[in-house]
All heavy atoms as atom14 arrays in JSON, in Angstrom:
{
  "sequence": "IASLWLFLMAAMTLVAYLSHKGVIDGIVNALLPERMSERKLMLLTG",
  "atom14_mask": [
    [1, 1, 1, 1, 1, 1, 1, 1, 0, 0, 0, 0, 0, 0],
    [1, 1, 1, 1, 1, 0, 0, 0, 0, 0, 0, 0, 0, 0],
    [1, 1, 1, 1, 1, 1, 0, 0, 0, 0, 0, 0, 0, 0],
    [1, 1, 1, 1, 1, 1, 1, 1, 0, 0, 0, 0, 0, 0],
    [1, 1, 1, 1, 1, 1, 1, 1, 1, 1, 1, 1, 1, 1],
    [1, 1, 1, 1, 1, 1, 1, 1, 0, 0, 0, 0, 0, 0],
    [1, 1, 1, 1, 1, 1, 1, 1, 1, 1, 1, 0, 0, 0],
    [1, 1, 1, 1, 1, 1, 1, 1, 0, 0, 0, 0, 0, 0],
    [1, 1, 1, 1, 1, 1, 1, 1, 0, 0, 0, 0, 0, 0],
    [1, 1, 1, 1, 1, 0, 0, 0, 0, 0, 0, 0, 0, 0],
    [1, 1, 1, 1, 1, 0, 0, 0, 0, 0, 0, 0, 0, 0],
    [1, 1, 1, 1, 1, 1, 1, 1, 0, 0, 0, 0, 0, 0],
    [1, 1, 1, 1, 1, 1, 1, 0, 0, 0, 0, 0, 0, 0],
    [1, 1, 1, 1, 1, 1, 1, 1, 0, 0, 0, 0, 0, 0],
    [1, 1, 1, 1, 1, 1, 1, 0, 0, 0, 0, 0, 0, 0],
    [1, 1, 1, 1, 1, 0, 0, 0, 0, 0, 0, 0, 0, 0],
    [1, 1, 1, 1, 1, 1, 1, 1, 1, 1, 1, 1, 0, 0],
    [1, 1, 1, 1, 1, 1, 1, 1, 0, 0, 0, 0, 0, 0],
    [1, 1, 1, 1, 1, 1, 0, 0, 0, 0, 0, 0, 0, 0],
    [1, 1, 1, 1, 1, 1, 1, 1, 1, 1, 0, 0, 0, 0],
    [1, 1, 1, 1, 1, 1, 1, 1, 1, 0, 0, 0, 0, 0],
    [1, 1, 1, 1, 0, 0, 0, 0, 0, 0, 0, 0, 0, 0],
    [1, 1, 1, 1, 1, 1, 1, 0, 0, 0, 0, 0, 0, 0],
    [1, 1, 1, 1, 1, 1, 1, 1, 0, 0, 0, 0, 0, 0],
    [1, 1, 1, 1, 1, 1, 1, 1, 0, 0, 0, 0, 0, 0],
    [1, 1, 1, 1, 0, 0, 0, 0, 0, 0, 0, 0, 0, 0],
    [1, 1, 1, 1, 1, 1, 1, 1, 0, 0, 0, 0, 0, 0],
    [1, 1, 1, 1, 1, 1, 1, 0, 0, 0, 0, 0, 0, 0],
    [1, 1, 1, 1, 1, 1, 1, 1, 0, 0, 0, 0, 0, 0],
    [1, 1, 1, 1, 1, 0, 0, 0, 0, 0, 0, 0, 0, 0],
    [1, 1, 1, 1, 1, 1, 1, 1, 0, 0, 0, 0, 0, 0],
    [1, 1, 1, 1, 1, 1, 1, 1, 0, 0, 0, 0, 0, 0],
    [1, 1, 1, 1, 1, 1, 1, 0, 0, 0, 0, 0, 0, 0],
    [1, 1, 1, 1, 1, 1, 1, 1, 1, 0, 0, 0, 0, 0],
    [1, 1, 1, 1, 1, 1, 1, 1, 1, 1, 1, 0, 0, 0],
    [1, 1, 1, 1, 1, 1, 1, 1, 0, 0, 0, 0, 0, 0],
    [1, 1, 1, 1, 1, 1, 0, 0, 0, 0, 0, 0, 0, 0],
    [1, 1, 1, 1, 1, 1, 1, 1, 1, 0, 0, 0, 0, 0],
    [1, 1, 1, 1, 1, 1, 1, 1, 1, 1, 1, 0, 0, 0],
    [1, 1, 1, 1, 1, 1, 1, 1, 1, 0, 0, 0, 0, 0],
    [1, 1, 1, 1, 1, 1, 1, 1, 0, 0, 0, 0, 0, 0],
    [1, 1, 1, 1, 1, 1, 1, 1, 0, 0, 0, 0, 0, 0],
    [1, 1, 1, 1, 1, 1, 1, 1, 0, 0, 0, 0, 0, 0],
    [1, 1, 1, 1, 1, 1, 1, 1, 0, 0, 0, 0, 0, 0],
    [1, 1, 1, 1, 1, 1, 1, 0, 0, 0, 0, 0, 0, 0],
    [1, 1, 1, 1, 0, 0, 0, 0, 0, 0, 0, 0, 0, 0]
  ],
  "atom14_positions": [
    [[14.36, 20.38, 5.83], [14.8, 19.22, 5.05], [15.01, 18.01, 5.96], [14.58, 16.9, 5.65], [16.1, 19.55, 4.29], [15.83, 20.62, 3.23], [16.69, 18.3, 3.65], [17.09, 21.16, 2.57], [0.0, 0.0, 0.0], [0.0, 0.0, 0.0], [0.0, 0.0, 0.0], [0.0, 0.0, 0.0], [0.0, 0.0, 0.0], [0.0, 0.0, 0.0]],
    [[15.66, 18.25, 7.12], [15.93, 17.14, 8.04], [14.64, 16.53, 8.55], [14.53, 15.3, 8.67], [16.78, 17.64, 9.21], [0.0, 0.0, 0.0], [0.0, 0.0, 0.0], [0.0, 0.0, 0.0], [0.0, 0.0, 0.0], [0.0, 0.0, 0.0], [0.0, 0.0, 0.0], [0.0, 0.0, 0.0], [0.0, 0.0, 0.0], [0.0, 0.0, 0.0]],
    [[13.65, 17.37, 8.85], [12.36, 16.86, 9.33], [11.71, 15.97, 8.27], [11.18, 14.89, 8.58], [11.42, 18.02, 9.68], [11.96, 18.79, 10.74], [0.0, 0.0, 0.0], [0.0, 0.0, 0.0], [0.0, 0.0, 0.0], [0.0, 0.0, 0.0], [0.0, 0.0, 0.0], [0.0, 0.0, 0.0], [0.0, 0.0, 0.0], [0.0, 0.0, 0.0]],
    [[11.75, 16.42, 7.01], [11.16, 15.62, 5.93], [11.95, 14.34, 5.69], [11.37, 13.27, 5.48], [11.09, 16.46, 4.66], [10.45, 15.8, 3.44], [9.03, 15.35, 3.75], [10.44, 16.75, 2.26], [0.0, 0.0, 0.0], [0.0, 0.0, 0.0], [0.0, 0.0, 0.0], [0.0, 0.0, 0.0], [0.0, 0.0, 0.0], [0.0, 0.0, 0.0]],
    [[13.26, 14.44, 5.73], [14.12, 13.26, 5.54], [13.8, 12.18, 6.57], [13.59, 11.02, 6.23], [15.59, 13.69, 5.68], [16.31, 13.82, 4.38], [15.98, 14.6, 3.33], [17.51, 13.12, 4.02], [16.9, 14.45, 2.32], [17.85, 13.56, 2.72], [18.33, 12.22, 4.65], [18.97, 13.1, 2.05], [19.46, 11.75, 3.99], [19.76, 12.19, 2.69]],
    [[13.8, 12.58, 7.83], [13.59, 11.61, 8.91], [12.18, 11.03, 8.85], [11.97, 9.84, 9.11], [13.84, 12.27, 10.26], [15.3, 12.69, 10.52], [15.4, 13.5, 11.79], [16.21, 11.46, 10.59], [0.0, 0.0, 0.0], [0.0, 0.0, 0.0], [0.0, 0.0, 0.0], [0.0, 0.0, 0.0], [0.0, 0.0, 0.0], [0.0, 0.0, 0.0]],
    [[11.21, 11.88, 8.52], [9.84, 11.39, 8.4], [9.75, 10.37, 7.27], [9.14, 9.31, 7.42], [8.9, 12.56, 8.14], [7.46, 12.16, 8.03], [6.65, 12.1, 9.15], [6.9, 11.82, 6.8], [5.32, 11.71, 9.06], [5.58, 11.43, 6.7], [4.79, 11.38, 7.84], [0.0, 0.0, 0.0], [0.0, 0.0, 0.0], [0.0, 0.0, 0.0]],
    [[10.32, 10.7, 6.12], [10.31, 9.79, 4.98], [11.0, 8.47, 5.32], [10.52, 7.39, 4.98], [11.01, 10.45, 3.79], [10.14, 11.19, 2.77], [11.02, 11.89, 1.76], [9.2, 10.24, 2.07], [0.0, 0.0, 0.0], [0.0, 0.0, 0.0], [0.0, 0.0, 0.0], [0.0, 0.0, 0.0], [0.0, 0.0, 0.0], [0.0, 0.0, 0.0]],
    [[12.14, 8.57, 5.98], [12.9, 7.38, 6.35], [12.07, 6.45, 7.23], [12.0, 5.24, 7.0], [14.19, 7.79, 7.06], [15.11, 6.62, 7.44], [14.73, 5.94, 9.08], [15.15, 7.33, 10.13], [0.0, 0.0, 0.0], [0.0, 0.0, 0.0], [0.0, 0.0, 0.0], [0.0, 0.0, 0.0], [0.0, 0.0, 0.0], [0.0, 0.0, 0.0]],
    [[11.39, 7.03, 8.23], [10.57, 6.23, 9.13], [9.38, 5.6, 8.4], [9.11, 4.4, 8.54], [10.09, 7.08, 10.3], [0.0, 0.0, 0.0], [0.0, 0.0, 0.0], [0.0, 0.0, 0.0], [0.0, 0.0, 0.0], [0.0, 0.0, 0.0], [0.0, 0.0, 0.0], [0.0, 0.0, 0.0], [0.0, 0.0, 0.0], [0.0, 0.0, 0.0]],
    [[8.66, 6.41, 7.63], [7.47, 5.92, 6.92], [7.84, 4.85, 5.89], [7.18, 3.81, 5.79], [6.75, 7.09, 6.25], [0.0, 0.0, 0.0], [0.0, 0.0, 0.0], [0.0, 0.0, 0.0], [0.0, 0.0, 0.0], [0.0, 0.0, 0.0], [0.0, 0.0, 0.0], [0.0, 0.0, 0.0], [0.0, 0.0, 0.0], [0.0, 0.0, 0.0]],
    [[8.9, 5.1, 5.12], [9.29, 4.16, 4.08], [9.8, 2.85, 4.68], [9.59, 1.77, 4.09], [10.35, 4.79, 3.17], [9.83, 5.96, 2.35], [11.12, 6.88, 1.47], [11.46, 5.78, 0.12], [0.0, 0.0, 0.0], [0.0, 0.0, 0.0], [0.0, 0.0, 0.0], [0.0, 0.0, 0.0], [0.0, 0.0, 0.0], [0.0, 0.0, 0.0]],
    [[10.46, 2.92, 5.82], [10.95, 1.7, 6.47], [9.79, 0.85, 6.97], [9.77, -0.38, 6.8], [11.88, 2.04, 7.64], [12.96, 2.85, 7.17], [12.45, 0.77, 8.25], [0.0, 0.0, 0.0], [0.0, 0.0, 0.0], [0.0, 0.0, 0.0], [0.0, 0.0, 0.0], [0.0, 0.0, 0.0], [0.0, 0.0, 0.0], [0.0, 0.0, 0.0]],
    [[8.79, 1.48, 7.59], [7.62, 0.75, 8.06], [6.87, 0.09, 6.91], [6.47, -1.08, 7.0], [6.69, 1.71, 8.82], [7.12, 2.08, 10.24], [6.38, 3.32, 10.73], [6.88, 0.91, 11.19], [0.0, 0.0, 0.0], [0.0, 0.0, 0.0], [0.0, 0.0, 0.0], [0.0, 0.0, 0.0], [0.0, 0.0, 0.0], [0.0, 0.0, 0.0]],
    [[6.67, 0.84, 5.81], [5.97, 0.29, 4.65], [6.79, -0.84, 4.02], [6.24, -1.86, 3.59], [5.67, 1.4, 3.63], [5.11, 0.81, 2.34], [4.69, 2.4, 4.21], [0.0, 0.0, 0.0], [0.0, 0.0, 0.0], [0.0, 0.0, 0.0], [0.0, 0.0, 0.0], [0.0, 0.0, 0.0], [0.0, 0.0, 0.0], [0.0, 0.0, 0.0]],
    [[8.12, -0.67, 3.97], [8.99, -1.72, 3.4], [8.88, -3.01, 4.21], [8.83, -4.11, 3.64], [10.43, -1.24, 3.36], [0.0, 0.0, 0.0], [0.0, 0.0, 0.0], [0.0, 0.0, 0.0], [0.0, 0.0, 0.0], [0.0, 0.0, 0.0], [0.0, 0.0, 0.0], [0.0, 0.0, 0.0], [0.0, 0.0, 0.0], [0.0, 0.0, 0.0]],
    [[8.81, -2.91, 5.52], [8.68, -4.1, 6.37], [7.34, -4.8, 6.12], [7.29, -6.02, 5.92], [8.8, -3.69, 7.84], [8.64, -4.86, 8.8], [9.75, -5.59, 9.19], [7.39, -5.24, 9.29], [9.64, -6.66, 10.06], [7.25, -6.31, 10.15], [8.38, -7.02, 10.54], [8.25, -8.1, 11.38], [0.0, 0.0, 0.0], [0.0, 0.0, 0.0]],
    [[6.26, -4.02, 6.13], [4.93, -4.6, 5.94], [4.79, -5.23, 4.55], [4.15, -6.27, 4.39], [3.86, -3.53, 6.15], [3.75, -2.97, 7.57], [2.73, -1.84, 7.62], [3.39, -4.06, 8.56], [0.0, 0.0, 0.0], [0.0, 0.0, 0.0], [0.0, 0.0, 0.0], [0.0, 0.0, 0.0], [0.0, 0.0, 0.0], [0.0, 0.0, 0.0]],
    [[5.39, -4.59, 3.55], [5.32, -5.14, 2.19], [6.12, -6.43, 2.09], [5.67, -7.41, 1.48], [5.86, -4.1, 1.2], [5.82, -4.6, -0.12], [0.0, 0.0, 0.0], [0.0, 0.0, 0.0], [0.0, 0.0, 0.0], [0.0, 0.0, 0.0], [0.0, 0.0, 0.0], [0.0, 0.0, 0.0], [0.0, 0.0, 0.0], [0.0, 0.0, 0.0]],
    [[7.31, -6.47, 2.69], [8.16, -7.65, 2.63], [7.51, -8.83, 3.36], [7.67, -9.99, 2.94], [9.52, -7.34, 3.25], [10.48, -8.5, 3.24], [11.14, -8.9, 2.1], [10.87, -9.36, 4.23], [11.9, -9.94, 2.37], [11.76, -10.24, 3.67], [0.0, 0.0, 0.0], [0.0, 0.0, 0.0], [0.0, 0.0, 0.0], [0.0, 0.0, 0.0]],
    [[6.78, -8.56, 4.43], [6.16, -9.61, 5.21], [4.82, -10.06, 4.63], [4.16, -10.94, 5.2], [5.96, -9.14, 6.65], [7.26, -8.93, 7.41], [8.03, -10.23, 7.56], [9.29, -10.05, 8.36], [10.02, -11.33, 8.56], [0.0, 0.0, 0.0], [0.0, 0.0, 0.0], [0.0, 0.0, 0.0], [0.0, 0.0, 0.0], [0.0, 0.0, 0.0]],
    [[4.39, -9.45, 3.53], [3.16, -9.87, 2.88], [1.89, -9.31, 3.49], [0.79, -9.75, 3.13], [0.0, 0.0, 0.0], [0.0, 0.0, 0.0], [0.0, 0.0, 0.0], [0.0, 0.0, 0.0], [0.0, 0.0, 0.0], [0.0, 0.0, 0.0], [0.0, 0.0, 0.0], [0.0, 0.0, 0.0], [0.0, 0.0, 0.0], [0.0, 0.0, 0.0]],
    [[2.03, -8.33, 4.38], [0.84, -7.76, 5.02], [0.0, -7.0, 4.0], [-1.22, -7.16, 3.94], [1.25, -6.83, 6.18], [0.01, -6.16, 6.77], [1.98, -7.61, 7.26], [0.0, 0.0, 0.0], [0.0, 0.0, 0.0], [0.0, 0.0, 0.0], [0.0, 0.0, 0.0], [0.0, 0.0, 0.0], [0.0, 0.0, 0.0], [0.0, 0.0, 0.0]],
    [[0.66, -6.18, 3.19], [-0.07, -5.4, 2.18], [-0.68, -6.32, 1.14], [-1.83, -6.13, 0.71], [0.86, -4.35, 1.54], [1.29, -3.31, 2.59], [0.18, -3.67, 0.36], [2.25, -2.28, 2.08], [0.0, 0.0, 0.0], [0.0, 0.0, 0.0], [0.0, 0.0, 0.0], [0.0, 0.0, 0.0], [0.0, 0.0, 0.0], [0.0, 0.0, 0.0]],
    [[0.06, -7.36, 0.75], [-0.48, -8.33, -0.21], [-1.7, -9.03, 0.37], [-2.68, -9.3, -0.33], [0.61, -9.35, -0.55], [0.3, -10.12, -1.82], [-0.45, -9.59, -2.65], [0.78, -11.25, -1.96], [0.0, 0.0, 0.0], [0.0, 0.0, 0.0], [0.0, 0.0, 0.0], [0.0, 0.0, 0.0], [0.0, 0.0, 0.0], [0.0, 0.0, 0.0]],
    [[-1.65, -9.31, 1.66], [-2.79, -9.96, 2.3], [-4.0, -9.06, 2.35], [-5.14, -9.53, 2.18], [0.0, 0.0, 0.0], [0.0, 0.0, 0.0], [0.0, 0.0, 0.0], [0.0, 0.0, 0.0], [0.0, 0.0, 0.0], [0.0, 0.0, 0.0], [0.0, 0.0, 0.0], [0.0, 0.0, 0.0], [0.0, 0.0, 0.0], [0.0, 0.0, 0.0]],
    [[-3.79, -7.76, 2.56], [-4.9, -6.8, 2.57], [-5.55, -6.73, 1.19], [-6.78, -6.69, 1.06], [-4.41, -5.42, 3.02], [-3.97, -5.47, 4.49], [-5.49, -4.37, 2.84], [-3.33, -4.19, 4.98], [0.0, 0.0, 0.0], [0.0, 0.0, 0.0], [0.0, 0.0, 0.0], [0.0, 0.0, 0.0], [0.0, 0.0, 0.0], [0.0, 0.0, 0.0]],
    [[-4.71, -6.72, 0.14], [-5.23, -6.68, -1.23], [-6.08, -7.92, -1.5], [-7.18, -7.84, -2.07], [-4.07, -6.58, -2.23], [-4.58, -6.74, -3.66], [-3.35, -5.25, -2.09], [0.0, 0.0, 0.0], [0.0, 0.0, 0.0], [0.0, 0.0, 0.0], [0.0, 0.0, 0.0], [0.0, 0.0, 0.0], [0.0, 0.0, 0.0], [0.0, 0.0, 0.0]],
    [[-5.57, -9.08, -1.11], [-6.32, -10.33, -1.33], [-7.64, -10.34, -0.59], [-8.64, -10.9, -1.06], [-5.48, -11.53, -0.9], [-4.34, -11.82, -1.86], [-4.39, -11.44, -3.02], [-3.29, -12.45, -1.36], [0.0, 0.0, 0.0], [0.0, 0.0, 0.0], [0.0, 0.0, 0.0], [0.0, 0.0, 0.0], [0.0, 0.0, 0.0], [0.0, 0.0, 0.0]],
    [[-7.65, -9.72, 0.59], [-8.86, -9.75, 1.42], [-9.91, -8.77, 0.93], [-11.12, -9.05, 0.98], [-8.51, -9.46, 2.87], [0.0, 0.0, 0.0], [0.0, 0.0, 0.0], [0.0, 0.0, 0.0], [0.0, 0.0, 0.0], [0.0, 0.0, 0.0], [0.0, 0.0, 0.0], [0.0, 0.0, 0.0], [0.0, 0.0, 0.0], [0.0, 0.0, 0.0]],
    [[-9.48, -7.62, 0.45], [-10.43, -6.55, 0.12], [-10.93, -6.61, -1.32], [-12.09, -6.29, -1.59], [-9.78, -5.18, 0.38], [-9.45, -4.86, 1.84], [-8.83, -3.47, 1.95], [-10.7, -4.94, 2.72], [0.0, 0.0, 0.0], [0.0, 0.0, 0.0], [0.0, 0.0, 0.0], [0.0, 0.0, 0.0], [0.0, 0.0, 0.0], [0.0, 0.0, 0.0]],
    [[-10.06, -6.97, -2.25], [-10.45, -6.92, -3.66], [-11.07, -8.23, -4.12], [-10.61, -9.32, -3.72], [-9.23, -6.6, -4.53], [-8.6, -5.22, -4.31], [-7.42, -5.02, -5.25], [-9.61, -4.11, -4.5], [0.0, 0.0, 0.0], [0.0, 0.0, 0.0], [0.0, 0.0, 0.0], [0.0, 0.0, 0.0], [0.0, 0.0, 0.0], [0.0, 0.0, 0.0]],
    [[-12.1, -8.16, -4.94], [-12.72, -9.39, -5.47], [-11.82, -10.05, -6.5], [-10.84, -9.46, -6.96], [-14.02, -8.86, -6.11], [-13.71, -7.44, -6.47], [-12.78, -6.94, -5.41], [0.0, 0.0, 0.0], [0.0, 0.0, 0.0], [0.0, 0.0, 0.0], [0.0, 0.0, 0.0], [0.0, 0.0, 0.0], [0.0, 0.0, 0.0], [0.0, 0.0, 0.0]],
    [[-12.17, -11.28, -6.89], [-11.35, -12.0, -7.86], [-11.42, -11.36, -9.24], [-10.46, -11.38, -10.0], [-11.79, -13.46, -7.94], [-11.48, -14.26, -6.69], [-11.77, -15.73, -6.88], [-12.15, -16.12, -8.02], [-11.62, -16.49, -5.91], [0.0, 0.0, 0.0], [0.0, 0.0, 0.0], [0.0, 0.0, 0.0], [0.0, 0.0, 0.0], [0.0, 0.0, 0.0]],
    [[-12.57, -10.78, -9.58], [-12.73, -10.12, -10.87], [-13.26, -8.71, -10.64], [-14.16, -8.5, -9.83], [-13.7, -10.89, -11.77], [-13.13, -12.18, -12.31], [-14.11, -12.87, -13.24], [-13.53, -14.04, -13.85], [-12.84, -14.02, -14.99], [-12.66, -12.87, -15.63], [-12.35, -15.14, -15.49], [0.0, 0.0, 0.0], [0.0, 0.0, 0.0], [0.0, 0.0, 0.0]],
    [[-12.7, -7.77, -11.39], [-13.14, -6.39, -11.27], [-12.73, -5.64, -12.53], [-11.65, -5.85, -13.08], [-12.5, -5.74, -10.03], [-12.91, -4.29, -9.82], [-12.34, -3.66, -8.21], [-10.61, -4.09, -8.26], [0.0, 0.0, 0.0], [0.0, 0.0, 0.0], [0.0, 0.0, 0.0], [0.0, 0.0, 0.0], [0.0, 0.0, 0.0], [0.0, 0.0, 0.0]],
    [[-13.6, -4.76, -12.99], [-13.29, -3.99, -14.18], [-12.23, -2.93, -13.86], [-12.1, -2.49, -12.71], [-14.54, -3.3, -14.73], [-14.99, -2.29, -13.83], [0.0, 0.0, 0.0], [0.0, 0.0, 0.0], [0.0, 0.0, 0.0], [0.0, 0.0, 0.0], [0.0, 0.0, 0.0], [0.0, 0.0, 0.0], [0.0, 0.0, 0.0], [0.0, 0.0, 0.0]],
    [[-11.47, -2.56, -14.88], [-10.44, -1.54, -14.69], [-11.04, -0.19, -14.32], [-10.45, 0.58, -13.55], [-9.6, -1.42, -15.97], [-8.78, -2.66, -16.26], [-8.07, -2.59, -17.61], [-8.51, -1.8, -18.48], [-7.08, -3.31, -17.78], [0.0, 0.0, 0.0], [0.0, 0.0, 0.0], [0.0, 0.0, 0.0], [0.0, 0.0, 0.0], [0.0, 0.0, 0.0]],
    [[-12.23, 0.09, -14.82], [-12.91, 1.35, -14.48], [-13.29, 1.37, -13.0], [-13.14, 2.38, -12.32], [-14.16, 1.52, -15.35], [-13.88, 1.86, -16.8], [-15.17, 1.88, -17.6], [-14.93, 2.29, -18.97], [-15.01, 3.55, -19.41], [-15.33, 4.51, -18.58], [-14.77, 3.84, -20.67], [0.0, 0.0, 0.0], [0.0, 0.0, 0.0], [0.0, 0.0, 0.0]],
    [[-13.79, 0.25, -12.51], [-14.17, 0.18, -11.1], [-12.94, 0.32, -10.21], [-12.98, 0.99, -9.17], [-14.89, -1.13, -10.81], [-15.42, -1.24, -9.39], [-16.19, -2.53, -9.17], [-16.71, -2.62, -7.75], [-17.46, -3.89, -7.53], [0.0, 0.0, 0.0], [0.0, 0.0, 0.0], [0.0, 0.0, 0.0], [0.0, 0.0, 0.0], [0.0, 0.0, 0.0]],
    [[-11.84, -0.3, -10.62], [-10.6, -0.18, -9.85], [-10.13, 1.27, -9.81], [-9.62, 1.73, -8.79], [-9.51, -1.07, -10.47], [-8.13, -0.97, -9.8], [-8.2, -1.43, -8.34], [-7.1, -1.8, -10.57], [0.0, 0.0, 0.0], [0.0, 0.0, 0.0], [0.0, 0.0, 0.0], [0.0, 0.0, 0.0], [0.0, 0.0, 0.0], [0.0, 0.0, 0.0]],
    [[-10.33, 1.99, -10.92], [-9.92, 3.4, -10.96], [-10.69, 4.21, -9.92], [-10.11, 5.01, -9.17], [-10.16, 3.96, -12.36], [-9.68, 5.39, -12.57], [-7.88, 5.55, -12.56], [-7.47, 4.84, -14.17], [0.0, 0.0, 0.0], [0.0, 0.0, 0.0], [0.0, 0.0, 0.0], [0.0, 0.0, 0.0], [0.0, 0.0, 0.0], [0.0, 0.0, 0.0]],
    [[-11.99, 4.01, -9.86], [-12.81, 4.76, -8.91], [-12.47, 4.36, -7.47], [-12.36, 5.23, -6.6], [-14.29, 4.51, -9.19], [-15.28, 5.33, -8.36], [-15.06, 6.82, -8.56], [-16.71, 4.97, -8.7], [0.0, 0.0, 0.0], [0.0, 0.0, 0.0], [0.0, 0.0, 0.0], [0.0, 0.0, 0.0], [0.0, 0.0, 0.0], [0.0, 0.0, 0.0]],
    [[-12.27, 3.07, -7.23], [-11.93, 2.62, -5.89], [-10.56, 3.13, -5.45], [-10.36, 3.45, -4.28], [-11.95, 1.08, -5.83], [-13.32, 0.41, -5.9], [-13.17, -1.1, -5.9], [-14.19, 0.86, -4.74], [0.0, 0.0, 0.0], [0.0, 0.0, 0.0], [0.0, 0.0, 0.0], [0.0, 0.0, 0.0], [0.0, 0.0, 0.0], [0.0, 0.0, 0.0]],
    [[-9.63, 3.22, -6.4], [-8.3, 3.75, -6.09], [-8.38, 5.2, -5.64], [-7.77, 5.6, -4.65], [-7.37, 3.63, -7.3], [-7.23, 2.26, -7.68], [-6.0, 4.21, -7.01], [0.0, 0.0, 0.0], [0.0, 0.0, 0.0], [0.0, 0.0, 0.0], [0.0, 0.0, 0.0], [0.0, 0.0, 0.0], [0.0, 0.0, 0.0], [0.0, 0.0, 0.0]],
    [[-9.15, 6.0, -6.4], [-9.31, 7.4, -6.03], [-9.99, 7.56, -4.68], [-9.58, 8.39, -3.86], [0.0, 0.0, 0.0], [0.0, 0.0, 0.0], [0.0, 0.0, 0.0], [0.0, 0.0, 0.0], [0.0, 0.0, 0.0], [0.0, 0.0, 0.0], [0.0, 0.0, 0.0], [0.0, 0.0, 0.0], [0.0, 0.0, 0.0], [0.0, 0.0, 0.0]]
  ]
}
């Protein structure tokens, strides 16, 4: 349990920082086109 807790804490903190700083938002803007069908997004997500 402790190993999973500490791992989760570290991973979630790193992702929280990158999300707050707009890094993930910037990646989304760079990779995804302005228009895309919901079906295509489903396949790309998988």
